[in-house]
Amino acid sequence: MEGPFPPFEPDGPGENGESANNNKRLRDIPLRFVLPNIITVLAICAGLTGVRLAFEHRFDDAVLMVLLAALLDGVDGRVARLVKGSSKFGAEMDSLADIVNFGVAPALVLYSFVLDQARSFGWIAALLYAIACGLRLARFNVMMENKDSPKWQSAYFTGVPAPAGAFLVLLPVYLGFLGIAPDWYYATGVACYTLLVAFLLVSNLPVWSGKTLGARIPRAQVMPLILGVVFYVAMLATYTWETLTLSVLAYLAFLPYSLSMWRKQAAAHAAAAKNNAD
């Protein structure tokens, strides 16, 4: 007798509708296939809990839960690759989690904190941000299948990535904890800022991803890296909102530099292609 739940098939049914082993039902699933999915589900729980905390006006905890959701979302994929537990099911779960954690949750937290004072304009801004995040994630999934782009372009995102968008759009909340009163004028400005972040998500702006840094670190840079990480975490724990605000401003300042890097590499690639053609 079959149980109340369908069998878990990490990569879906086979070509003829059979399970992944083609001849018999897959009875035992290795834990390495389940662990990344558990982390993804926990990330969704954190994002939705952030929304609930925002509705309860516990905004500091709400922001921390959204940031925790972003952290867990970044961990699940790396865990899957580390334990060799990647699957089609996990990829679909991760995509669905991203729209909740980076689109819906930040938009609702921000609306509950300040955008509601801008009335309909604030809701439109929150709505457009959530939709832009969904469009950004859909475009990312499609572009992953593009094998024709030059190799150097793989070091850049097209548009601001969704996790960074959630990090950026919550800047008005950080500033609110630093003493800025959320009145109608501030809410209107925040709505315009939210629309700007939504535009950055769906734009063609090249954003350096850091993938070219590699997995190895020069020996001379190990100690400074450890000290830098410890310093940042200590600042984040001690001066949370100041550190988050400065981090957002630093990221926004980095975007023009990223565009400049892209243009230089594109010019070098075009010159090399022209020389090869000659």
C-alpha atoms as a PDB file:
ATOM      1  CA  MET A   1       0.000   0.000   0.000  1.00  0.00           C
ATOM      2  CA  GLU A   2       1.379   3.387  -0.985  1.00  0.00           C
ATOM      3  CA  GLY A   3       1.796   6.068   1.648  1.00  0.00           C
ATOM      4  CA  PRO A   4      -0.085   9.390   1.753  1.00  0.00           C
ATOM      5  CA  PHE A   5       2.738  11.250  -0.011  1.00  0.00           C
ATOM      6  CA  PRO A   6       4.109  10.741  -3.521  1.00  0.00           C
ATOM      7  CA  PRO A   7       7.677   9.405  -3.784  1.00  0.00           C
ATOM      8  CA  PHE A   8      10.410  12.022  -3.766  1.00  0.00           C
ATOM      9  CA  GLU A   9      12.156  12.096  -7.149  1.00  0.00           C
ATOM     10  CA  PRO A  10      15.007  14.680  -7.060  1.00  0.00           C
ATOM     11  CA  ASP A  11      15.365  14.853 -10.841  1.00  0.00           C
ATOM     12  CA  GLY A  12      11.785  14.080 -11.820  1.00  0.00           C
ATOM     13  CA  PRO A  13      10.378  11.102 -13.700  1.00  0.00           C
ATOM     14  CA  GLY A  14      12.212   9.435 -16.557  1.00  0.00           C
ATOM     15  CA  GLU A  15      11.396   9.794 -20.240  1.00  0.00           C
ATOM     16  CA  ASN A  16       8.557   7.241 -20.037  1.00  0.00           C
ATOM     17  CA  GLY A  17       7.079   8.567 -16.808  1.00  0.00           C
ATOM     18  CA  GLU A  18       9.101   6.120 -14.737  1.00  0.00           C
ATOM     19  CA  SER A  19      11.120   7.069 -11.694  1.00  0.00           C
ATOM     20  CA  ALA A  20      14.783   7.983 -11.876  1.00  0.00           C
ATOM     21  CA  ASN A  21      16.021   4.372 -11.655  1.00  0.00           C
ATOM     22  CA  ASN A  22      13.921   3.438 -14.793  1.00  0.00           C
ATOM     23  CA  ASN A  23      13.010  -0.038 -13.507  1.00  0.00           C
ATOM     24  CA  LYS A  24      11.960   0.273  -9.896  1.00  0.00           C
ATOM     25  CA  ARG A  25      10.792   2.981  -7.586  1.00  0.00           C
ATOM     26  CA  LEU A  26      13.551   4.911  -5.846  1.00  0.00           C
ATOM     27  CA  ARG A  27      12.985   3.736  -2.263  1.00  0.00           C
ATOM     28  CA  ASP A  28      15.843   5.379  -0.335  1.00  0.00           C
ATOM     29  CA  ILE A  29      16.992   8.934  -0.979  1.00  0.00           C
ATOM     30  CA  PRO A  30      20.522   9.911   0.117  1.00  0.00           C
ATOM     31  CA  LEU A  31      20.514  12.618   2.761  1.00  0.00           C
ATOM     32  CA  ARG A  32      22.720  14.789   0.556  1.00  0.00           C
ATOM     33  CA  PHE A  33      19.732  15.333  -1.778  1.00  0.00           C
ATOM     34  CA  VAL A  34      17.426  16.323   1.080  1.00  0.00           C
ATOM     35  CA  LEU A  35      19.703  18.603   3.142  1.00  0.00           C
ATOM     36  CA  PRO A  36      19.877  21.525   0.637  1.00  0.00           C
ATOM     37  CA  ASN A  37      16.074  21.439   0.291  1.00  0.00           C
ATOM     38  CA  ILE A  38      15.674  21.628   4.072  1.00  0.00           C
ATOM     39  CA  ILE A  39      17.879  24.745   4.118  1.00  0.00           C
ATOM     40  CA  THR A  40      15.805  26.265   1.297  1.00  0.00           C
ATOM     41  CA  VAL A  41      12.572  25.642   3.207  1.00  0.00           C
ATOM     42  CA  LEU A  42      14.084  27.208   6.331  1.00  0.00           C
ATOM     43  CA  ALA A  43      14.978  30.261   4.239  1.00  0.00           C
ATOM     44  CA  ILE A  44      11.337  30.571   3.123  1.00  0.00           C
ATOM     45  CA  CYS A  45      10.219  30.259   6.746  1.00  0.00           C
ATOM     46  CA  ALA A  46      12.626  33.025   7.759  1.00  0.00           C
ATOM     47  CA  GLY A  47      11.387  35.347   4.999  1.00  0.00           C
ATOM     48  CA  LEU A  48       7.714  34.809   5.820  1.00  0.00           C
ATOM     49  CA  THR A  49       8.426  35.181   9.551  1.00  0.00           C
ATOM     50  CA  GLY A  50      10.006  38.533   8.714  1.00  0.00           C
ATOM     51  CA  VAL A  51       6.705  39.576   7.136  1.00  0.00           C
ATOM     52  CA  ARG A  52       4.771  38.530  10.244  1.00  0.00           C
ATOM     53  CA  LEU A  53       7.163  40.430  12.519  1.00  0.00           C
ATOM     54  CA  ALA A  54       6.753  43.513  10.347  1.00  0.00           C
ATOM     55  CA  PHE A  55       2.965  43.315  10.709  1.00  0.00           C
ATOM     56  CA  GLU A  56       3.531  43.134  14.466  1.00  0.00           C
ATOM     57  CA  HIS A  57       5.711  46.289  14.200  1.00  0.00           C
ATOM     58  CA  ARG A  58       8.831  44.409  15.339  1.00  0.00           C
ATOM     59  CA  PHE A  59      10.787  45.837  12.440  1.00  0.00           C
ATOM     60  CA  ASP A  60      14.283  45.237  13.769  1.00  0.00           C
ATOM     61  CA  ASP A  61      13.589  41.510  14.082  1.00  0.00           C
ATOM     62  CA  ALA A  62      11.800  41.544  10.719  1.00  0.00           C
ATOM     63  CA  VAL A  63      14.834  42.944   8.909  1.00  0.00           C
ATOM     64  CA  LEU A  64      17.130  40.450  10.599  1.00  0.00           C
ATOM     65  CA  MET A  65      14.861  37.570   9.536  1.00  0.00           C
ATOM     66  CA  VAL A  66      14.880  38.760   5.925  1.00  0.00           C
ATOM     67  CA  LEU A  67      18.671  39.007   6.015  1.00  0.00           C
ATOM     68  CA  LEU A  68      18.809  35.533   7.578  1.00  0.00           C
ATOM     69  CA  ALA A  69      16.642  34.253   4.723  1.00  0.00           C
ATOM     70  CA  ALA A  70      19.109  35.760   2.249  1.00  0.00           C
ATOM     71  CA  LEU A  71      22.008  34.103   4.079  1.00  0.00           C
ATOM     72  CA  LEU A  72      20.313  30.680   4.083  1.00  0.00           C
ATOM     73  CA  ASP A  73      19.402  31.075   0.436  1.00  0.00           C
ATOM     74  CA  GLY A  74      23.056  31.663  -0.383  1.00  0.00           C
ATOM     75  CA  VAL A  75      24.110  28.660   1.668  1.00  0.00           C
ATOM     76  CA  ASP A  76      21.765  26.035   0.198  1.00  0.00           C
ATOM     77  CA  GLY A  77      23.254  26.081  -3.282  1.00  0.00           C
ATOM     78  CA  ARG A  78      26.799  25.885  -1.972  1.00  0.00           C
ATOM     79  CA  VAL A  79      25.857  23.004   0.323  1.00  0.00           C
ATOM     80  CA  ALA A  80      24.266  21.202  -2.623  1.00  0.00           C
ATOM     81  CA  ARG A  81      27.432  21.565  -4.687  1.00  0.00           C
ATOM     82  CA  LEU A  82      29.659  20.643  -1.733  1.00  0.00           C
ATOM     83  CA  VAL A  83      27.851  17.389  -0.947  1.00  0.00           C
ATOM     84  CA  LYS A  84      27.022  16.744  -4.636  1.00  0.00           C
ATOM     85  CA  GLY A  85      23.317  16.915  -3.872  1.00  0.00           C
ATOM     86  CA  SER A  86      22.169  19.194  -6.709  1.00  0.00           C
ATOM     87  CA  SER A  87      18.891  18.204  -8.334  1.00  0.00           C
ATOM     88  CA  LYS A  88      16.133  19.607 -10.552  1.00  0.00           C
ATOM     89  CA  PHE A  89      13.759  19.604  -7.579  1.00  0.00           C
ATOM     90  CA  GLY A  90      16.230  21.653  -5.540  1.00  0.00           C
ATOM     91  CA  ALA A  91      16.735  24.138  -8.378  1.00  0.00           C
ATOM     92  CA  GLU A  92      12.988  24.711  -8.694  1.00  0.00           C
ATOM     93  CA  MET A  93      12.625  25.060  -4.912  1.00  0.00           C
ATOM     94  CA  ASP A  94      15.448  27.588  -4.831  1.00  0.00           C
ATOM     95  CA  SER A  95      13.823  29.686  -7.570  1.00  0.00           C
ATOM     96  CA  LEU A  96      10.509  29.740  -5.723  1.00  0.00           C
ATOM     97  CA  ALA A  97      12.252  30.631  -2.470  1.00  0.00           C
ATOM     98  CA  ASP A  98      14.058  33.544  -4.121  1.00  0.00           C
ATOM     99  CA  ILE A  99      10.861  35.324  -5.142  1.00  0.00           C
ATOM    100  CA  VAL A 100       9.546  35.013  -1.580  1.00  0.00           C
ATOM    101  CA  ASN A 101      12.744  35.970   0.239  1.00  0.00           C
ATOM    102  CA  PHE A 102      14.032  38.712  -2.079  1.00  0.00           C
ATOM    103  CA  GLY A 103      10.829  40.002  -3.641  1.00  0.00           C
ATOM    104  CA  VAL A 104       7.707  39.554  -1.529  1.00  0.00           C
ATOM    105  CA  ALA A 105       9.170  39.682   1.993  1.00  0.00           C
ATOM    106  CA  PRO A 106      11.294  42.862   1.612  1.00  0.00           C
ATOM    107  CA  ALA A 107       8.463  44.619  -0.221  1.00  0.00           C
ATOM    108  CA  LEU A 108       5.937  43.865   2.533  1.00  0.00           C
ATOM    109  CA  VAL A 109       8.380  44.755   5.323  1.00  0.00           C
ATOM    110  CA  LEU A 110       9.171  48.062   3.657  1.00  0.00           C
ATOM    111  CA  TYR A 111       5.486  48.787   2.997  1.00  0.00           C
ATOM    112  CA  SER A 112       4.565  48.049   6.581  1.00  0.00           C
ATOM    113  CA  PHE A 113       7.404  50.240   7.865  1.00  0.00           C
ATOM    114  CA  VAL A 114       7.048  53.366   5.746  1.00  0.00           C
ATOM    115  CA  LEU A 115       5.494  52.937   2.294  1.00  0.00           C
ATOM    116  CA  ASP A 116       1.974  52.670   3.683  1.00  0.00           C
ATOM    117  CA  GLN A 117       2.210  56.371   4.556  1.00  0.00           C
ATOM    118  CA  ALA A 118       2.569  57.144   0.843  1.00  0.00           C
ATOM    119  CA  ARG A 119      -0.780  55.405   0.354  1.00  0.00           C
ATOM    120  CA  SER A 120      -1.417  54.075  -3.155  1.00  0.00           C
ATOM    121  CA  PHE A 121       1.899  55.320  -4.532  1.00  0.00           C
ATOM    122  CA  GLY A 122       3.738  53.395  -1.819  1.00  0.00           C
ATOM    123  CA  TRP A 123       1.834  50.199  -2.606  1.00  0.00           C
ATOM    124  CA  ILE A 124       2.521  50.595  -6.331  1.00  0.00           C
ATOM    125  CA  ALA A 125       6.239  50.963  -5.580  1.00  0.00           C
ATOM    126  CA  ALA A 126       6.241  47.835  -3.398  1.00  0.00           C
ATOM    127  CA  LEU A 127       4.260  45.933  -6.021  1.00  0.00           C
ATOM    128  CA  LEU A 128       6.572  46.924  -8.862  1.00  0.00           C
ATOM    129  CA  TYR A 129       9.626  45.974  -6.820  1.00  0.00           C
ATOM    130  CA  ALA A 130       8.245  42.478  -6.149  1.00  0.00           C
ATOM    131  CA  ILE A 131       7.345  42.021  -9.835  1.00  0.00           C
ATOM    132  CA  ALA A 132      10.770  43.305 -10.932  1.00  0.00           C
ATOM    133  CA  CYS A 133      12.422  40.796  -8.618  1.00  0.00           C
ATOM    134  CA  GLY A 134      10.391  37.984 -10.183  1.00  0.00           C
ATOM    135  CA  LEU A 135      11.329  39.146 -13.682  1.00  0.00           C
ATOM    136  CA  ARG A 136      14.980  39.363 -12.659  1.00  0.00           C
ATOM    137  CA  LEU A 137      14.978  35.798 -11.354  1.00  0.00           C
ATOM    138  CA  ALA A 138      13.195  34.476 -14.453  1.00  0.00           C
ATOM    139  CA  ARG A 139      15.729  36.187 -16.711  1.00  0.00           C
ATOM    140  CA  PHE A 140      18.599  34.778 -14.647  1.00  0.00           C
ATOM    141  CA  ASN A 141      17.262  31.238 -15.035  1.00  0.00           C
ATOM    142  CA  VAL A 142      16.917  31.678 -18.796  1.00  0.00           C
ATOM    143  CA  MET A 143      20.342  33.260 -19.258  1.00  0.00           C
ATOM    144  CA  MET A 144      21.988  30.358 -17.432  1.00  0.00           C
ATOM    145  CA  GLU A 145      21.228  28.291 -20.547  1.00  0.00           C
ATOM    146  CA  ASN A 146      23.004  30.742 -22.868  1.00  0.00           C
ATOM    147  CA  LYS A 147      26.280  29.138 -23.952  1.00  0.00           C
ATOM    148  CA  ASP A 148      27.103  31.654 -26.702  1.00  0.00           C
ATOM    149  CA  SER A 149      28.275  34.570 -24.548  1.00  0.00           C
ATOM    150  CA  PRO A 150      32.033  35.127 -24.147  1.00  0.00           C
ATOM    151  CA  LYS A 151      33.626  33.531 -21.116  1.00  0.00           C
ATOM    152  CA  TRP A 152      34.655  36.835 -19.544  1.00  0.00           C
ATOM    153  CA  GLN A 153      30.995  37.925 -19.354  1.00  0.00           C
ATOM    154  CA  SER A 154      30.245  35.099 -16.912  1.00  0.00           C
ATOM    155  CA  ALA A 155      31.963  37.204 -14.237  1.00  0.00           C
ATOM    156  CA  TYR A 156      29.113  39.738 -14.404  1.00  0.00           C
ATOM    157  CA  PHE A 157      25.436  39.705 -13.548  1.00  0.00           C
ATOM    158  CA  THR A 158      22.984  41.417 -15.879  1.00  0.00           C
ATOM    159  CA  GLY A 159      21.261  43.815 -13.543  1.00  0.00           C
ATOM    160  CA  VAL A 160      21.565  43.893  -9.776  1.00  0.00           C
ATOM    161  CA  PRO A 161      21.091  40.351  -8.399  1.00  0.00           C
ATOM    162  CA  ALA A 162      17.950  39.650  -6.388  1.00  0.00           C
ATOM    163  CA  PRO A 163      19.713  39.163  -3.003  1.00  0.00           C
ATOM    164  CA  ALA A 164      21.486  42.500  -3.420  1.00  0.00           C
ATOM    165  CA  GLY A 165      18.164  44.081  -4.419  1.00  0.00           C
ATOM    166  CA  ALA A 166      16.589  42.988  -1.143  1.00  0.00           C
ATOM    167  CA  PHE A 167      19.629  44.312   0.716  1.00  0.00           C
ATOM    168  CA  LEU A 168      19.380  47.666  -1.081  1.00  0.00           C
ATOM    169  CA  VAL A 169      15.630  48.189  -0.880  1.00  0.00           C
ATOM    170  CA  LEU A 170      15.653  47.907   2.918  1.00  0.00           C
ATOM    171  CA  LEU A 171      17.929  50.965   3.245  1.00  0.00           C
ATOM    172  CA  PRO A 172      15.009  53.221   4.372  1.00  0.00           C
ATOM    173  CA  VAL A 173      14.386  50.815   7.245  1.00  0.00           C
ATOM    174  CA  TYR A 174      18.031  51.039   8.308  1.00  0.00           C
ATOM    175  CA  LEU A 175      17.804  54.836   8.198  1.00  0.00           C
ATOM    176  CA  GLY A 176      14.576  54.735  10.188  1.00  0.00           C
ATOM    177  CA  PHE A 177      16.371  52.973  13.020  1.00  0.00           C
ATOM    178  CA  LEU A 178      18.995  55.714  12.915  1.00  0.00           C
ATOM    179  CA  GLY A 179      16.369  58.311  13.780  1.00  0.00           C
ATOM    180  CA  ILE A 180      14.721  59.429  10.519  1.00  0.00           C
ATOM    181  CA  ALA A 181      10.997  59.836  11.164  1.00  0.00           C
ATOM    182  CA  PRO A 182       8.856  58.032   8.563  1.00  0.00           C
ATOM    183  CA  ASP A 183       6.408  60.799   7.565  1.00  0.00           C
ATOM    184  CA  TRP A 184       4.586  61.326   4.251  1.00  0.00           C
ATOM    185  CA  TYR A 185       7.459  63.173   2.581  1.00  0.00           C
ATOM    186  CA  TYR A 186       9.947  60.522   3.600  1.00  0.00           C
ATOM    187  CA  ALA A 187       7.568  57.786   2.442  1.00  0.00           C
ATOM    188  CA  THR A 188       7.223  59.435  -0.978  1.00  0.00           C
ATOM    189  CA  GLY A 189      10.995  59.607  -1.344  1.00  0.00           C
ATOM    190  CA  VAL A 190      11.272  55.975  -0.261  1.00  0.00           C
ATOM    191  CA  ALA A 191       8.723  54.998  -2.908  1.00  0.00           C
ATOM    192  CA  CYS A 192      10.871  56.666  -5.570  1.00  0.00           C
ATOM    193  CA  TYR A 193      13.956  54.900  -4.214  1.00  0.00           C
ATOM    194  CA  THR A 194      12.091  51.581  -4.305  1.00  0.00           C
ATOM    195  CA  LEU A 195      11.267  52.162  -7.970  1.00  0.00           C
ATOM    196  CA  LEU A 196      14.953  52.890  -8.601  1.00  0.00           C
ATOM    197  CA  VAL A 197      15.986  49.573  -7.052  1.00  0.00           C
ATOM    198  CA  ALA A 198      13.305  47.813  -9.114  1.00  0.00           C
ATOM    199  CA  PHE A 199      14.774  49.400 -12.233  1.00  0.00           C
ATOM    200  CA  LEU A 200      18.288  48.257 -11.291  1.00  0.00           C
ATOM    201  CA  LEU A 201      17.001  44.690 -10.949  1.00  0.00           C
ATOM    202  CA  VAL A 202      15.618  44.481 -14.486  1.00  0.00           C
ATOM    203  CA  SER A 203      18.183  46.746 -16.165  1.00  0.00           C
ATOM    204  CA  ASN A 204      21.089  45.649 -18.372  1.00  0.00           C
ATOM    205  CA  LEU A 205      23.601  47.124 -15.943  1.00  0.00           C
ATOM    206  CA  PRO A 206      26.612  44.772 -15.715  1.00  0.00           C
ATOM    207  CA  VAL A 207      27.393  44.025 -12.072  1.00  0.00           C
ATOM    208  CA  TRP A 208      30.623  42.246 -11.212  1.00  0.00           C
ATOM    209  CA  SER A 209      29.809  39.010  -9.382  1.00  0.00           C
ATOM    210  CA  GLY A 210      33.204  38.218  -7.850  1.00  0.00           C
ATOM    211  CA  LYS A 211      33.212  34.730  -9.401  1.00  0.00           C
ATOM    212  CA  THR A 212      36.663  35.313 -10.901  1.00  0.00           C
ATOM    213  CA  LEU A 213      38.277  35.650  -7.492  1.00  0.00           C
ATOM    214  CA  GLY A 214      38.717  31.874  -7.413  1.00  0.00           C
ATOM    215  CA  ALA A 215      38.728  29.411  -4.544  1.00  0.00           C
ATOM    216  CA  ARG A 216      42.390  29.936  -3.608  1.00  0.00           C
ATOM    217  CA  ILE A 217      43.790  32.895  -1.703  1.00  0.00           C
ATOM    218  CA  PRO A 218      47.403  34.107  -1.829  1.00  0.00           C
ATOM    219  CA  ARG A 219      49.214  33.383   1.422  1.00  0.00           C
ATOM    220  CA  ALA A 220      50.028  37.027   2.038  1.00  0.00           C
ATOM    221  CA  GLN A 221      46.306  37.919   1.944  1.00  0.00           C
ATOM    222  CA  VAL A 222      44.977  35.258   4.336  1.00  0.00           C
ATOM    223  CA  MET A 223      45.584  37.186   7.567  1.00  0.00           C
ATOM    224  CA  PRO A 224      44.205  40.519   6.275  1.00  0.00           C
ATOM    225  CA  LEU A 225      41.138  38.671   4.940  1.00  0.00           C
ATOM    226  CA  ILE A 226      40.442  36.994   8.293  1.00  0.00           C
ATOM    227  CA  LEU A 227      40.908  40.274  10.168  1.00  0.00           C
ATOM    228  CA  GLY A 228      38.689  42.109   7.690  1.00  0.00           C
ATOM    229  CA  VAL A 229      35.867  39.592   8.035  1.00  0.00           C
ATOM    230  CA  VAL A 230      36.113  39.647  11.839  1.00  0.00           C
ATOM    231  CA  PHE A 231      36.106  43.455  11.833  1.00  0.00           C
ATOM    232  CA  TYR A 232      33.037  43.634   9.586  1.00  0.00           C
ATOM    233  CA  VAL A 233      31.102  41.066  11.611  1.00  0.00           C
ATOM    234  CA  ALA A 234      32.026  42.846  14.842  1.00  0.00           C
ATOM    235  CA  MET A 235      30.850  46.157  13.413  1.00  0.00           C
ATOM    236  CA  LEU A 236      27.667  44.516  12.161  1.00  0.00           C
ATOM    237  CA  ALA A 237      26.945  43.078  15.602  1.00  0.00           C
ATOM    238  CA  THR A 238      27.795  46.297  17.464  1.00  0.00           C
ATOM    239  CA  TYR A 239      26.623  49.017  15.063  1.00  0.00           C
ATOM    240  CA  THR A 240      24.100  47.049  13.024  1.00  0.00           C
ATOM    241  CA  TRP A 241      22.153  49.788  11.289  1.00  0.00           C
ATOM    242  CA  GLU A 242      25.119  52.079  10.715  1.00  0.00           C
ATOM    243  CA  THR A 243      27.085  49.205   9.185  1.00  0.00           C
ATOM    244  CA  LEU A 244      24.195  48.117   6.961  1.00  0.00           C
ATOM    245  CA  THR A 245      23.669  51.703   5.791  1.00  0.00           C
ATOM    246  CA  LEU A 246      27.336  52.152   4.903  1.00  0.00           C
ATOM    247  CA  SER A 247      27.348  48.769   3.169  1.00  0.00           C
ATOM    248  CA  VAL A 248      24.410  49.791   0.976  1.00  0.00           C
ATOM    249  CA  LEU A 249      26.046  53.103   0.086  1.00  0.00           C
ATOM    250  CA  ALA A 250      29.308  51.309  -0.734  1.00  0.00           C
ATOM    251  CA  TYR A 251      27.461  48.867  -3.000  1.00  0.00           C
ATOM    252  CA  LEU A 252      25.673  51.683  -4.812  1.00  0.00           C
ATOM    253  CA  ALA A 253      28.990  53.478  -5.278  1.00  0.00           C
ATOM    254  CA  PHE A 254      30.493  50.259  -6.667  1.00  0.00           C
ATOM    255  CA  LEU A 255      27.930  49.975  -9.487  1.00  0.00           C
ATOM    256  CA  PRO A 256      29.482  52.727 -11.711  1.00  0.00           C
ATOM    257  CA  TYR A 257      32.911  51.151 -11.156  1.00  0.00           C
ATOM    258  CA  SER A 258      31.500  47.783 -12.223  1.00  0.00           C
ATOM    259  CA  LEU A 259      30.152  49.375 -15.413  1.00  0.00           C
ATOM    260  CA  SER A 260      33.583  50.876 -16.093  1.00  0.00           C
ATOM    261  CA  MET A 261      35.231  47.460 -15.651  1.00  0.00           C
ATOM    262  CA  TRP A 262      32.737  45.930 -18.091  1.00  0.00           C
ATOM    263  CA  ARG A 263      33.393  48.573 -20.746  1.00  0.00           C
ATOM    264  CA  LYS A 264      37.165  48.114 -20.502  1.00  0.00           C
ATOM    265  CA  GLN A 265      36.886  44.336 -20.845  1.00  0.00           C
ATOM    266  CA  ALA A 266      34.403  44.666 -23.707  1.00  0.00           C
ATOM    267  CA  ALA A 267      36.765  47.039 -25.532  1.00  0.00           C
ATOM    268  CA  ALA A 268      39.705  44.675 -24.985  1.00  0.00           C
ATOM    269  CA  HIS A 269      37.647  41.717 -26.220  1.00  0.00           C
ATOM    270  CA  ALA A 270      36.551  43.627 -29.322  1.00  0.00           C
ATOM    271  CA  ALA A 271      40.140  44.680 -30.066  1.00  0.00           C
ATOM    272  CA  ALA A 272      41.372  41.106 -29.681  1.00  0.00           C
ATOM    273  CA  ALA A 273      38.620  39.820 -31.975  1.00  0.00           C
ATOM    274  CA  LYS A 274      39.513  42.454 -34.567  1.00  0.00           C
ATOM    275  CA  ASN A 275      43.201  41.515 -34.450  1.00  0.00           C
ATOM    276  CA  ASN A 276      42.348  37.837 -34.873  1.00  0.00           C
ATOM    277  CA  ALA A 277      40.141  38.667 -37.851  1.00  0.00           C
ATOM    278  CA  ASP A 278      42.994  40.612 -39.479  1.00  0.00           C
END
